[in-house]
Protein backbone atom coordinates (compact mmCIF):
# COMPACT_ATOMS: atom_id res chain seq x y z
CA MET A 1 33.38 -13.94 -2.07
CA GLY A 2 34.84 -10.62 -0.68
CA ASP A 3 37.77 -9.01 -0.88
CA ILE A 4 40.68 -10.18 1.28
CA GLY A 5 41.69 -8.08 4.56
CA MET A 6 44.64 -7.68 6.85
CA PRO A 7 43.04 -10.13 9.21
CA GLU A 8 42.70 -12.84 6.71
CA LEU A 9 46.68 -12.06 5.36
CA LEU A 10 47.80 -12.10 8.94
CA VAL A 11 46.43 -15.48 8.97
CA ILE A 12 47.58 -16.65 5.83
CA LEU A 13 51.14 -15.57 6.93
CA GLY A 14 50.77 -17.13 10.15
CA LEU A 15 50.28 -20.54 7.99
CA ALA A 16 52.99 -19.79 5.81
CA VAL A 17 55.54 -19.32 8.45
CA ILE A 18 53.62 -23.03 10.23
CA LEU A 19 54.19 -24.84 7.19
CA PHE A 20 57.49 -23.85 5.78
CA GLY A 21 59.37 -22.33 8.56
CA GLY A 22 61.05 -18.43 8.93
CA LYS A 23 64.32 -19.39 7.16
CA LYS A 24 62.51 -21.46 4.33
CA ILE A 25 60.01 -18.51 3.53
CA PRO A 26 62.55 -16.41 1.42
CA GLU A 27 63.66 -19.47 -0.61
CA VAL A 28 60.20 -20.02 -1.50
CA ALA A 29 59.07 -16.64 -2.57
CA LYS A 30 62.49 -16.51 -4.59
CA GLY A 31 61.44 -19.68 -6.42
CA LEU A 32 57.69 -18.22 -6.84
CA GLY A 33 59.24 -14.82 -8.26
CA GLU A 34 61.57 -16.76 -11.11
CA GLY A 35 58.44 -18.95 -12.01
CA ILE A 36 56.33 -16.02 -12.52
CA ARG A 37 58.95 -14.13 -14.34
CA ASN A 38 59.82 -17.46 -16.55
CA PHE A 39 56.05 -17.91 -17.28
CA LYS A 40 55.53 -13.98 -18.20
CA SER A 41 58.60 -14.43 -20.56
CA ALA A 42 56.99 -17.16 -22.09
CA LEU A 43 53.70 -15.74 -22.85
CA LYS A 44 55.83 -12.78 -24.53
CA GLY A 45 57.40 -15.27 -26.87
CA ASP A 46 60.68 -14.73 -25.51
CA GLY A 47 62.62 -17.32 -27.37
CA ALA A 48 65.83 -16.87 -25.34
CA ALA A 49 64.87 -17.34 -22.04
CA LYS A 50 67.53 -16.93 -19.33
CA ASP A 51 68.51 -19.34 -17.03
CA THR A 52 68.39 -18.48 -13.84
CA GLU A 53 69.85 -21.71 -11.86
CA LYS A 54 73.32 -21.22 -10.44
CA ALA A 55 76.09 -23.65 -11.23
C-alpha cells in the first residue's frame, strides 16, 4: 500500500462530513483526543488518571 495523499484525505473528510454531519465532527474529534490521551496515560502507568468528564 502507498502513502495517503491529499485526494485520499479529502475523500475521507467528505465521508466523515456525510456520516456525522458538520456539527458532530468537533464532538467526535474531542472524544477521540480524550481517548488517545487516556490511553497514553495508562501506558505510562499514571495511577491517578484525570477525569475529563463534566458533571
